[in-house]
Amino acid sequence: RYPQSADLRRWLQTIPNRYVHFGDFDLAGINIFVTEFNVHLRHRSSFLIPDDIELRLQNGSAERYQTQYQRFNTLHTGISSVQRLIDMINTFHRCYDQEGYIE
């Protein structure tokens, strides 16, 4: 669960470990990674993108995509792998929940 404070980020900044973000594959989740983690941890952070995400996005939530699109339609990043994910989400007009990988 995503914490509602900067405590996790502050703690991550004090340790040398890498941070791998595993969250929902939607524009809001990517925005959280880019603006709250990557901006502070830089090269020590990465976004976990499973190999089959393109297939899963094709069957994801169009409703949540539409809900988020207005707010995050200009989301871009210089991280090429994350930008490819943003592009896929915008191509399929769908999002996918992380819980789909936990089942």
PDB file of N, CA and C in Angstrom:
ATOM      1  N   ARG A   1       0.841  -1.181   0.000  1.00  0.00           N
ATOM      2  CA  ARG A   1       0.000   0.000   0.000  1.00  0.00           C
ATOM      3  C   ARG A   1       0.880   1.235   0.000  1.00  0.00           C
ATOM      4  N   TYR A   2       0.499   2.205  -0.810  1.00  0.00           N
ATOM      5  CA  TYR A   2       1.264   3.442  -0.927  1.00  0.00           C
ATOM      6  C   TYR A   2       1.058   4.299   0.314  1.00  0.00           C
ATOM      7  N   PRO A   3       2.134   4.681   1.008  1.00  0.00           N
ATOM      8  CA  PRO A   3       1.999   5.494   2.217  1.00  0.00           C
ATOM      9  C   PRO A   3       1.486   6.896   1.896  1.00  0.00           C
ATOM     10  N   GLN A   4       0.772   7.465   2.825  1.00  0.00           N
ATOM     11  CA  GLN A   4       0.191   8.798   2.638  1.00  0.00           C
ATOM     12  C   GLN A   4       1.094   9.902   3.176  1.00  0.00           C
ATOM     13  N   SER A   5       2.374   9.614   3.284  1.00  0.00           N
ATOM     14  CA  SER A   5       3.326  10.625   3.724  1.00  0.00           C
ATOM     15  C   SER A   5       4.651  10.385   3.010  1.00  0.00           C
ATOM     16  N   ALA A   6       5.588  11.235   3.238  1.00  0.00           N
ATOM     17  CA  ALA A   6       6.903  11.110   2.609  1.00  0.00           C
ATOM     18  C   ALA A   6       7.851  10.243   3.438  1.00  0.00           C
ATOM     19  N   ASP A   7       7.346   9.573   4.476  1.00  0.00           N
ATOM     20  CA  ASP A   7       8.215   8.777   5.348  1.00  0.00           C
ATOM     21  C   ASP A   7       9.000   7.713   4.595  1.00  0.00           C
ATOM     22  N   LEU A   8       8.337   6.970   3.726  1.00  0.00           N
ATOM     23  CA  LEU A   8       9.022   5.921   2.979  1.00  0.00           C
ATOM     24  C   LEU A   8      10.124   6.521   2.115  1.00  0.00           C
ATOM     25  N   ARG A   9       9.811   7.578   1.400  1.00  0.00           N
ATOM     26  CA  ARG A   9      10.810   8.209   0.544  1.00  0.00           C
ATOM     27  C   ARG A   9      11.998   8.724   1.356  1.00  0.00           C
ATOM     28  N   ARG A  10      11.732   9.362   2.485  1.00  0.00           N
ATOM     29  CA  ARG A  10      12.824   9.868   3.328  1.00  0.00           C
ATOM     30  C   ARG A  10      13.707   8.718   3.804  1.00  0.00           C
ATOM     31  N   TRP A  11      13.075   7.607   4.189  1.00  0.00           N
ATOM     32  CA  TRP A  11      13.838   6.451   4.646  1.00  0.00           C
ATOM     33  C   TRP A  11      14.679   5.898   3.494  1.00  0.00           C
ATOM     34  N   LEU A  12      14.083   5.791   2.312  1.00  0.00           N
ATOM     35  CA  LEU A  12      14.819   5.282   1.155  1.00  0.00           C
ATOM     36  C   LEU A  12      16.020   6.157   0.817  1.00  0.00           C
ATOM     37  N   GLN A  13      15.904   7.442   1.056  1.00  0.00           N
ATOM     38  CA  GLN A  13      17.014   8.347   0.776  1.00  0.00           C
ATOM     39  C   GLN A  13      18.181   8.140   1.735  1.00  0.00           C
ATOM     40  N   THR A  14      17.936   7.536   2.888  1.00  0.00           N
ATOM     41  CA  THR A  14      18.999   7.349   3.878  1.00  0.00           C
ATOM     42  C   THR A  14      19.747   6.034   3.716  1.00  0.00           C
ATOM     43  N   ILE A  15      19.238   5.117   2.878  1.00  0.00           N
ATOM     44  CA  ILE A  15      19.880   3.822   2.709  1.00  0.00           C
ATOM     45  C   ILE A  15      20.419   3.702   1.282  1.00  0.00           C
ATOM     46  N   PRO A  16      21.403   2.837   1.055  1.00  0.00           N
ATOM     47  CA  PRO A  16      21.994   2.725  -0.278  1.00  0.00           C
ATOM     48  C   PRO A  16      21.232   1.793  -1.231  1.00  0.00           C
ATOM     49  N   ASN A  17      20.251   1.072  -0.728  1.00  0.00           N
ATOM     50  CA  ASN A  17      19.526   0.101  -1.543  1.00  0.00           C
ATOM     51  C   ASN A  17      18.823   0.742  -2.728  1.00  0.00           C
ATOM     52  N   ARG A  18      18.647  -0.052  -3.783  1.00  0.00           N
ATOM     53  CA  ARG A  18      17.848   0.373  -4.927  1.00  0.00           C
ATOM     54  C   ARG A  18      16.369   0.230  -4.562  1.00  0.00           C
ATOM     55  N   TYR A  19      15.542   1.052  -5.160  1.00  0.00           N
ATOM     56  CA  TYR A  19      14.093   0.999  -4.965  1.00  0.00           C
ATOM     57  C   TYR A  19      13.451   0.552  -6.276  1.00  0.00           C
ATOM     58  N   VAL A  20      12.695  -0.549  -6.216  1.00  0.00           N
ATOM     59  CA  VAL A  20      11.958  -1.037  -7.378  1.00  0.00           C
ATOM     60  C   VAL A  20      10.480  -0.805  -7.095  1.00  0.00           C
ATOM     61  N   HIS A  21       9.865   0.034  -7.903  1.00  0.00           N
ATOM     62  CA  HIS A  21       8.457   0.405  -7.715  1.00  0.00           C
ATOM     63  C   HIS A  21       7.571  -0.645  -8.360  1.00  0.00           C
ATOM     64  N   PHE A  22       6.685  -1.232  -7.578  1.00  0.00           N
ATOM     65  CA  PHE A  22       5.680  -2.173  -8.083  1.00  0.00           C
ATOM     66  C   PHE A  22       4.330  -1.622  -7.689  1.00  0.00           C
ATOM     67  N   GLY A  23       3.635  -1.105  -8.675  1.00  0.00           N
ATOM     68  CA  GLY A  23       2.330  -0.506  -8.416  1.00  0.00           C
ATOM     69  C   GLY A  23       1.405  -0.766  -9.576  1.00  0.00           C
ATOM     70  N   ASP A  24       0.262  -0.100  -9.566  1.00  0.00           N
ATOM     71  CA  ASP A  24      -0.678  -0.253 -10.665  1.00  0.00           C
ATOM     72  C   ASP A  24      -0.058   0.289 -11.947  1.00  0.00           C
ATOM     73  N   PHE A  25      -0.428  -0.324 -13.038  1.00  0.00           N
ATOM     74  CA  PHE A  25       0.067   0.085 -14.350  1.00  0.00           C
ATOM     75  C   PHE A  25      -0.964   1.030 -14.951  1.00  0.00           C
ATOM     76  N   ASP A  26      -0.983   2.222 -14.381  1.00  0.00           N
ATOM     77  CA  ASP A  26      -1.896   3.274 -14.816  1.00  0.00           C
ATOM     78  C   ASP A  26      -1.168   4.607 -14.738  1.00  0.00           C
ATOM     79  N   LEU A  27      -1.782   5.624 -15.303  1.00  0.00           N
ATOM     80  CA  LEU A  27      -1.119   6.930 -15.363  1.00  0.00           C
ATOM     81  C   LEU A  27      -0.897   7.522 -13.977  1.00  0.00           C
ATOM     82  N   ALA A  28      -1.839   7.336 -13.073  1.00  0.00           N
ATOM     83  CA  ALA A  28      -1.677   7.863 -11.712  1.00  0.00           C
ATOM     84  C   ALA A  28      -0.519   7.177 -10.995  1.00  0.00           C
ATOM     85  N   GLY A  29      -0.409   5.858 -11.148  1.00  0.00           N
ATOM     86  CA  GLY A  29       0.680   5.119 -10.515  1.00  0.00           C
ATOM     87  C   GLY A  29       2.038   5.517 -11.059  1.00  0.00           C
ATOM     88  N   ILE A  30       2.108   5.712 -12.355  1.00  0.00           N
ATOM     89  CA  ILE A  30       3.367   6.154 -12.960  1.00  0.00           C
ATOM     90  C   ILE A  30       3.712   7.559 -12.487  1.00  0.00           C
ATOM     91  N   ASN A  31       2.713   8.411 -12.370  1.00  0.00           N
ATOM     92  CA  ASN A  31       2.949   9.762 -11.867  1.00  0.00           C
ATOM     93  C   ASN A  31       3.517   9.734 -10.450  1.00  0.00           C
ATOM     94  N   ILE A  32       3.013   8.847  -9.613  1.00  0.00           N
ATOM     95  CA  ILE A  32       3.546   8.711  -8.252  1.00  0.00           C
ATOM     96  C   ILE A  32       5.019   8.328  -8.311  1.00  0.00           C
ATOM     97  N   PHE A  33       5.343   7.342  -9.130  1.00  0.00           N
ATOM     98  CA  PHE A  33       6.741   6.924  -9.245  1.00  0.00           C
ATOM     99  C   PHE A  33       7.632   8.081  -9.708  1.00  0.00           C
ATOM    100  N   VAL A  34       7.217   8.746 -10.769  1.00  0.00           N
ATOM    101  CA  VAL A  34       8.044   9.806 -11.359  1.00  0.00           C
ATOM    102  C   VAL A  34       8.201  11.005 -10.430  1.00  0.00           C
ATOM    103  N   THR A  35       7.106  11.452  -9.807  1.00  0.00           N
ATOM    104  CA  THR A  35       7.140  12.698  -9.029  1.00  0.00           C
ATOM    105  C   THR A  35       7.495  12.522  -7.561  1.00  0.00           C
ATOM    106  N   GLU A  36       7.304  11.327  -7.019  1.00  0.00           N
ATOM    107  CA  GLU A  36       7.546  11.157  -5.587  1.00  0.00           C
ATOM    108  C   GLU A  36       8.729  10.267  -5.251  1.00  0.00           C
ATOM    109  N   PHE A  37       9.150   9.436  -6.195  1.00  0.00           N
ATOM    110  CA  PHE A  37      10.273   8.545  -5.917  1.00  0.00           C
ATOM    111  C   PHE A  37      11.456   8.822  -6.841  1.00  0.00           C
ATOM    112  N   ASN A  38      11.254   8.694  -8.128  1.00  0.00           N
ATOM    113  CA  ASN A  38      12.371   8.844  -9.056  1.00  0.00           C
ATOM    114  C   ASN A  38      13.023  10.214  -8.979  1.00  0.00           C
ATOM    115  N   VAL A  39      12.246  11.244  -8.789  1.00  0.00           N
ATOM    116  CA  VAL A  39      12.808  12.593  -8.719  1.00  0.00           C
ATOM    117  C   VAL A  39      13.790  12.740  -7.552  1.00  0.00           C
ATOM    118  N   HIS A  40      13.597  11.961  -6.503  1.00  0.00           N
ATOM    119  CA  HIS A  40      14.465  12.042  -5.323  1.00  0.00           C
ATOM    120  C   HIS A  40      15.548  10.961  -5.307  1.00  0.00           C
ATOM    121  N   LEU A  41      15.222   9.778  -5.830  1.00  0.00           N
ATOM    122  CA  LEU A  41      16.164   8.659  -5.760  1.00  0.00           C
ATOM    123  C   LEU A  41      16.967   8.477  -7.051  1.00  0.00           C
ATOM    124  N   ARG A  42      16.504   9.099  -8.117  1.00  0.00           N
ATOM    125  CA  ARG A  42      17.171   9.076  -9.427  1.00  0.00           C
ATOM    126  C   ARG A  42      17.564   7.667  -9.865  1.00  0.00           C
ATOM    127  N   HIS A  43      18.870   7.456 -10.074  1.00  0.00           N
ATOM    128  CA  HIS A  43      19.371   6.194 -10.618  1.00  0.00           C
ATOM    129  C   HIS A  43      19.156   4.995  -9.689  1.00  0.00           C
ATOM    130  N   ARG A  44      18.801   5.244  -8.440  1.00  0.00           N
ATOM    131  CA  ARG A  44      18.554   4.136  -7.508  1.00  0.00           C
ATOM    132  C   ARG A  44      17.108   3.646  -7.563  1.00  0.00           C
ATOM    133  N   SER A  45      16.295   4.214  -8.445  1.00  0.00           N
ATOM    134  CA  SER A  45      14.900   3.792  -8.541  1.00  0.00           C
ATOM    135  C   SER A  45      14.600   3.255  -9.929  1.00  0.00           C
ATOM    136  N   SER A  46      13.697   2.288  -9.968  1.00  0.00           N
ATOM    137  CA  SER A  46      13.229   1.755 -11.244  1.00  0.00           C
ATOM    138  C   SER A  46      11.773   1.325 -11.086  1.00  0.00           C
ATOM    139  N   PHE A  47      11.086   1.221 -12.202  1.00  0.00           N
ATOM    140  CA  PHE A  47       9.672   0.836 -12.228  1.00  0.00           C
ATOM    141  C   PHE A  47       9.614  -0.578 -12.789  1.00  0.00           C
ATOM    142  N   LEU A  48       9.069  -1.516 -12.014  1.00  0.00           N
ATOM    143  CA  LEU A  48       8.974  -2.899 -12.450  1.00  0.00           C
ATOM    144  C   LEU A  48       7.917  -3.012 -13.550  1.00  0.00           C
ATOM    145  N   ILE A  49       8.347  -3.412 -14.737  1.00  0.00           N
ATOM    146  CA  ILE A  49       7.441  -3.575 -15.872  1.00  0.00           C
ATOM    147  C   ILE A  49       7.557  -5.027 -16.343  1.00  0.00           C
ATOM    148  N   PRO A  50       6.553  -5.844 -16.047  1.00  0.00           N
ATOM    149  CA  PRO A  50       6.600  -7.256 -16.441  1.00  0.00           C
ATOM    150  C   PRO A  50       6.635  -7.422 -17.966  1.00  0.00           C
ATOM    151  N   ASP A  51       7.206  -8.524 -18.411  1.00  0.00           N
ATOM    152  CA  ASP A  51       7.342  -8.790 -19.838  1.00  0.00           C
ATOM    153  C   ASP A  51       5.999  -8.871 -20.565  1.00  0.00           C
ATOM    154  N   ASP A  52       4.953  -9.287 -19.872  1.00  0.00           N
ATOM    155  CA  ASP A  52       3.652  -9.474 -20.528  1.00  0.00           C
ATOM    156  C   ASP A  52       2.683  -8.307 -20.322  1.00  0.00           C
ATOM    157  N   ILE A  53       3.190  -7.159 -19.935  1.00  0.00           N
ATOM    158  CA  ILE A  53       2.297  -6.035 -19.617  1.00  0.00           C
ATOM    159  C   ILE A  53       1.468  -5.607 -20.821  1.00  0.00           C
ATOM    160  N   GLU A  54       2.007  -5.680 -22.014  1.00  0.00           N
ATOM    161  CA  GLU A  54       1.237  -5.272 -23.194  1.00  0.00           C
ATOM    162  C   GLU A  54      -0.006  -6.148 -23.357  1.00  0.00           C
ATOM    163  N   LEU A  55       0.142  -7.441 -23.185  1.00  0.00           N
ATOM    164  CA  LEU A  55      -0.990  -8.367 -23.262  1.00  0.00           C
ATOM    165  C   LEU A  55      -2.011  -8.084 -22.165  1.00  0.00           C
ATOM    166  N   ARG A  56      -1.527  -7.828 -20.968  1.00  0.00           N
ATOM    167  CA  ARG A  56      -2.439  -7.571 -19.846  1.00  0.00           C
ATOM    168  C   ARG A  56      -3.170  -6.235 -20.000  1.00  0.00           C
ATOM    169  N   LEU A  57      -2.486  -5.232 -20.522  1.00  0.00           N
ATOM    170  CA  LEU A  57      -3.136  -3.931 -20.726  1.00  0.00           C
ATOM    171  C   LEU A  57      -4.303  -4.038 -21.705  1.00  0.00           C
ATOM    172  N   GLN A  58      -4.184  -4.916 -22.681  1.00  0.00           N
ATOM    173  CA  GLN A  58      -5.246  -5.076 -23.668  1.00  0.00           C
ATOM    174  C   GLN A  58      -6.569  -5.501 -23.031  1.00  0.00           C
ATOM    175  N   ASN A  59      -6.488  -6.124 -21.860  1.00  0.00           N
ATOM    176  CA  ASN A  59      -7.685  -6.577 -21.143  1.00  0.00           C
ATOM    177  C   ASN A  59      -7.900  -5.803 -19.844  1.00  0.00           C
ATOM    178  N   GLY A  60      -7.246  -4.674 -19.716  1.00  0.00           N
ATOM    179  CA  GLY A  60      -7.319  -3.879 -18.490  1.00  0.00           C
ATOM    180  C   GLY A  60      -8.562  -3.012 -18.423  1.00  0.00           C
ATOM    181  N   SER A  61      -8.533  -2.065 -17.506  1.00  0.00           N
ATOM    182  CA  SER A  61      -9.691  -1.208 -17.229  1.00  0.00           C
ATOM    183  C   SER A  61      -9.702   0.041 -18.112  1.00  0.00           C
ATOM    184  N   ALA A  62     -10.678   0.101 -19.011  1.00  0.00           N
ATOM    185  CA  ALA A  62     -10.853   1.298 -19.841  1.00  0.00           C
ATOM    186  C   ALA A  62     -11.487   2.414 -19.011  1.00  0.00           C
ATOM    187  N   GLU A  63     -12.328   2.041 -18.070  1.00  0.00           N
ATOM    188  CA  GLU A  63     -13.010   3.041 -17.231  1.00  0.00           C
ATOM    189  C   GLU A  63     -12.007   3.839 -16.401  1.00  0.00           C
ATOM    190  N   ARG A  64     -11.073   3.147 -15.763  1.00  0.00           N
ATOM    191  CA  ARG A  64     -10.091   3.873 -14.952  1.00  0.00           C
ATOM    192  C   ARG A  64      -9.177   4.726 -15.825  1.00  0.00           C
ATOM    193  N   TYR A  65      -8.844   4.233 -17.002  1.00  0.00           N
ATOM    194  CA  TYR A  65      -8.045   5.036 -17.924  1.00  0.00           C
ATOM    195  C   TYR A  65      -8.764   6.350 -18.223  1.00  0.00           C
ATOM    196  N   GLN A  66     -10.056   6.266 -18.546  1.00  0.00           N
ATOM    197  CA  GLN A  66     -10.824   7.470 -18.869  1.00  0.00           C
ATOM    198  C   GLN A  66     -10.890   8.424 -17.676  1.00  0.00           C
ATOM    199  N   THR A  67     -11.024   7.872 -16.485  1.00  0.00           N
ATOM    200  CA  THR A  67     -11.069   8.682 -15.269  1.00  0.00           C
ATOM    201  C   THR A  67      -9.758   9.437 -15.052  1.00  0.00           C
ATOM    202  N   GLN A  68      -8.644   8.792 -15.330  1.00  0.00           N
ATOM    203  CA  GLN A  68      -7.331   9.391 -15.085  1.00  0.00           C
ATOM    204  C   GLN A  68      -6.829  10.257 -16.236  1.00  0.00           C
ATOM    205  N   TYR A  69      -7.300  10.008 -17.431  1.00  0.00           N
ATOM    206  CA  TYR A  69      -6.727  10.635 -18.612  1.00  0.00           C
ATOM    207  C   TYR A  69      -6.739  12.163 -18.545  1.00  0.00           C
ATOM    208  N   GLN A  70      -7.833  12.731 -18.127  1.00  0.00           N
ATOM    209  CA  GLN A  70      -7.933  14.203 -18.088  1.00  0.00           C
ATOM    210  C   GLN A  70      -6.827  14.818 -17.223  1.00  0.00           C
ATOM    211  N   ARG A  71      -6.535  14.195 -16.111  1.00  0.00           N
ATOM    212  CA  ARG A  71      -5.536  14.752 -15.181  1.00  0.00           C
ATOM    213  C   ARG A  71      -4.100  14.465 -15.611  1.00  0.00           C
ATOM    214  N   PHE A  72      -3.867  13.298 -16.233  1.00  0.00           N
ATOM    215  CA  PHE A  72      -2.497  12.863 -16.506  1.00  0.00           C
ATOM    216  C   PHE A  72      -2.184  12.733 -18.000  1.00  0.00           C
ATOM    217  N   ASN A  73      -2.965  13.349 -18.859  1.00  0.00           N
ATOM    218  CA  ASN A  73      -2.774  13.162 -20.301  1.00  0.00           C
ATOM    219  C   ASN A  73      -1.465  13.760 -20.832  1.00  0.00           C
ATOM    220  N   THR A  74      -0.811  14.593 -20.070  1.00  0.00           N
ATOM    221  CA  THR A  74       0.466  15.162 -20.511  1.00  0.00           C
ATOM    222  C   THR A  74       1.668  14.506 -19.823  1.00  0.00           C
ATOM    223  N   LEU A  75       1.433  13.398 -19.154  1.00  0.00           N
ATOM    224  CA  LEU A  75       2.505  12.715 -18.429  1.00  0.00           C
ATOM    225  C   LEU A  75       3.566  12.190 -19.390  1.00  0.00           C
ATOM    226  N   HIS A  76       4.796  12.605 -19.156  1.00  0.00           N
ATOM    227  CA  HIS A  76       5.951  12.156 -19.940  1.00  0.00           C
ATOM    228  C   HIS A  76       7.133  12.019 -18.997  1.00  0.00           C
ATOM    229  N   THR A  77       8.074  11.180 -19.377  1.00  0.00           N
ATOM    230  CA  THR A  77       9.283  11.008 -18.588  1.00  0.00           C
ATOM    231  C   THR A  77      10.467  10.739 -19.505  1.00  0.00           C
ATOM    232  N   GLY A  78      11.641  11.039 -19.018  1.00  0.00           N
ATOM    233  CA  GLY A  78      12.867  10.747 -19.746  1.00  0.00           C
ATOM    234  C   GLY A  78      13.354   9.323 -19.541  1.00  0.00           C
ATOM    235  N   ILE A  79      12.638   8.541 -18.770  1.00  0.00           N
ATOM    236  CA  ILE A  79      12.997   7.139 -18.530  1.00  0.00           C
ATOM    237  C   ILE A  79      12.350   6.327 -19.649  1.00  0.00           C
ATOM    238  N   SER A  80      13.144   5.837 -20.567  1.00  0.00           N
ATOM    239  CA  SER A  80      12.604   5.239 -21.796  1.00  0.00           C
ATOM    240  C   SER A  80      11.662   4.064 -21.540  1.00  0.00           C
ATOM    241  N   SER A  81      11.991   3.195 -20.609  1.00  0.00           N
ATOM    242  CA  SER A  81      11.121   2.045 -20.347  1.00  0.00           C
ATOM    243  C   SER A  81       9.772   2.489 -19.783  1.00  0.00           C
ATOM    244  N   VAL A  82       9.777   3.482 -18.929  1.00  0.00           N
ATOM    245  CA  VAL A  82       8.531   3.993 -18.343  1.00  0.00           C
ATOM    246  C   VAL A  82       7.743   4.771 -19.395  1.00  0.00           C
ATOM    247  N   GLN A  83       8.436   5.497 -20.261  1.00  0.00           N
ATOM    248  CA  GLN A  83       7.730   6.202 -21.336  1.00  0.00           C
ATOM    249  C   GLN A  83       7.063   5.209 -22.283  1.00  0.00           C
ATOM    250  N   ARG A  84       7.716   4.086 -22.568  1.00  0.00           N
ATOM    251  CA  ARG A  84       7.089   3.055 -23.409  1.00  0.00           C
ATOM    252  C   ARG A  84       5.819   2.533 -22.744  1.00  0.00           C
ATOM    253  N   LEU A  85       5.844   2.375 -21.407  1.00  0.00           N
ATOM    254  CA  LEU A  85       4.650   1.939 -20.675  1.00  0.00           C
ATOM    255  C   LEU A  85       3.541   2.985 -20.791  1.00  0.00           C
ATOM    256  N   ILE A  86       3.871   4.245 -20.613  1.00  0.00           N
ATOM    257  CA  ILE A  86       2.893   5.328 -20.782  1.00  0.00           C
ATOM    258  C   ILE A  86       2.292   5.267 -22.182  1.00  0.00           C
ATOM    259  N   ASP A  87       3.139   5.085 -23.185  1.00  0.00           N
ATOM    260  CA  ASP A  87       2.670   5.018 -24.573  1.00  0.00           C
ATOM    261  C   ASP A  87       1.733   3.832 -24.779  1.00  0.00           C
ATOM    262  N   MET A  88       2.054   2.683 -24.189  1.00  0.00           N
ATOM    263  CA  MET A  88       1.182   1.506 -24.302  1.00  0.00           C
ATOM    264  C   MET A  88      -0.178   1.772 -23.664  1.00  0.00           C
ATOM    265  N   ILE A  89      -0.151   2.353 -22.468  1.00  0.00           N
ATOM    266  CA  ILE A  89      -1.401   2.670 -21.772  1.00  0.00           C
ATOM    267  C   ILE A  89      -2.250   3.591 -22.639  1.00  0.00           C
ATOM    268  N   ASN A  90      -1.628   4.592 -23.233  1.00  0.00           N
ATOM    269  CA  ASN A  90      -2.365   5.532 -24.085  1.00  0.00           C
ATOM    270  C   ASN A  90      -2.803   4.901 -25.406  1.00  0.00           C
ATOM    271  N   THR A  91      -2.068   3.943 -25.906  1.00  0.00           N
ATOM    272  CA  THR A  91      -2.455   3.245 -27.133  1.00  0.00           C
ATOM    273  C   THR A  91      -3.693   2.385 -26.906  1.00  0.00           C
ATOM    274  N   PHE A  92      -3.687   1.609 -25.811  1.00  0.00           N
ATOM    275  CA  PHE A  92      -4.798   0.703 -25.525  1.00  0.00           C
ATOM    276  C   PHE A  92      -5.947   1.378 -24.776  1.00  0.00           C
ATOM    277  N   HIS A  93      -5.685   2.587 -24.242  1.00  0.00           N
ATOM    278  CA  HIS A  93      -6.690   3.309 -23.440  1.00  0.00           C
ATOM    279  C   HIS A  93      -7.178   2.439 -22.292  1.00  0.00           C
ATOM    280  N   ARG A  94      -6.215   1.783 -21.653  1.00  0.00           N
ATOM    281  CA  ARG A  94      -6.532   0.874 -20.545  1.00  0.00           C
ATOM    282  C   ARG A  94      -5.423   0.899 -19.494  1.00  0.00           C
ATOM    283  N   CYS A  95      -5.796   0.501 -18.288  1.00  0.00           N
ATOM    284  CA  CYS A  95      -4.876   0.385 -17.152  1.00  0.00           C
ATOM    285  C   CYS A  95      -4.958  -1.047 -16.630  1.00  0.00           C
ATOM    286  N   TYR A  96      -3.979  -1.423 -15.837  1.00  0.00           N
ATOM    287  CA  TYR A  96      -3.983  -2.779 -15.265  1.00  0.00           C
ATOM    288  C   TYR A  96      -3.551  -2.722 -13.813  1.00  0.00           C
ATOM    289  N   ASP A  97      -4.281  -3.434 -12.942  1.00  0.00           N
ATOM    290  CA  ASP A  97      -3.988  -3.450 -11.512  1.00  0.00           C
ATOM    291  C   ASP A  97      -2.844  -4.402 -11.189  1.00  0.00           C
ATOM    292  N   GLN A  98      -2.006  -3.981 -10.264  1.00  0.00           N
ATOM    293  CA  GLN A  98      -0.902  -4.821  -9.820  1.00  0.00           C
ATOM    294  C   GLN A  98      -1.393  -6.132  -9.221  1.00  0.00           C
ATOM    295  N   GLU A  99      -2.567  -6.136  -8.645  1.00  0.00           N
ATOM    296  CA  GLU A  99      -3.111  -7.337  -8.022  1.00  0.00           C
ATOM    297  C   GLU A  99      -3.275  -8.484  -9.025  1.00  0.00           C
ATOM    298  N   GLY A 100      -3.382  -8.156 -10.302  1.00  0.00           N
ATOM    299  CA  GLY A 100      -3.472  -9.187 -11.332  1.00  0.00           C
ATOM    300  C   GLY A 100      -2.236 -10.064 -11.377  1.00  0.00           C
ATOM    301  N   TYR A 101      -1.122  -9.566 -10.885  1.00  0.00           N
ATOM    302  CA  TYR A 101       0.116 -10.349 -10.844  1.00  0.00           C
ATOM    303  C   TYR A 101       0.264 -11.104  -9.532  1.00  0.00           C
ATOM    304  N   ILE A 102      -0.506 -10.747  -8.550  1.00  0.00           N
ATOM    305  CA  ILE A 102      -0.367 -11.374  -7.233  1.00  0.00           C
ATOM    306  C   ILE A 102      -1.242 -12.620  -7.115  1.00  0.00           C
ATOM    307  N   GLU A 103      -2.317 -12.652  -7.858  1.00  0.00           N
ATOM    308  CA  GLU A 103      -3.274 -13.766  -7.751  1.00  0.00           C
ATOM    309  C   GLU A 103      -2.641 -15.110  -7.971  1.00  0.00           C
TER     310      GLU A 103
END
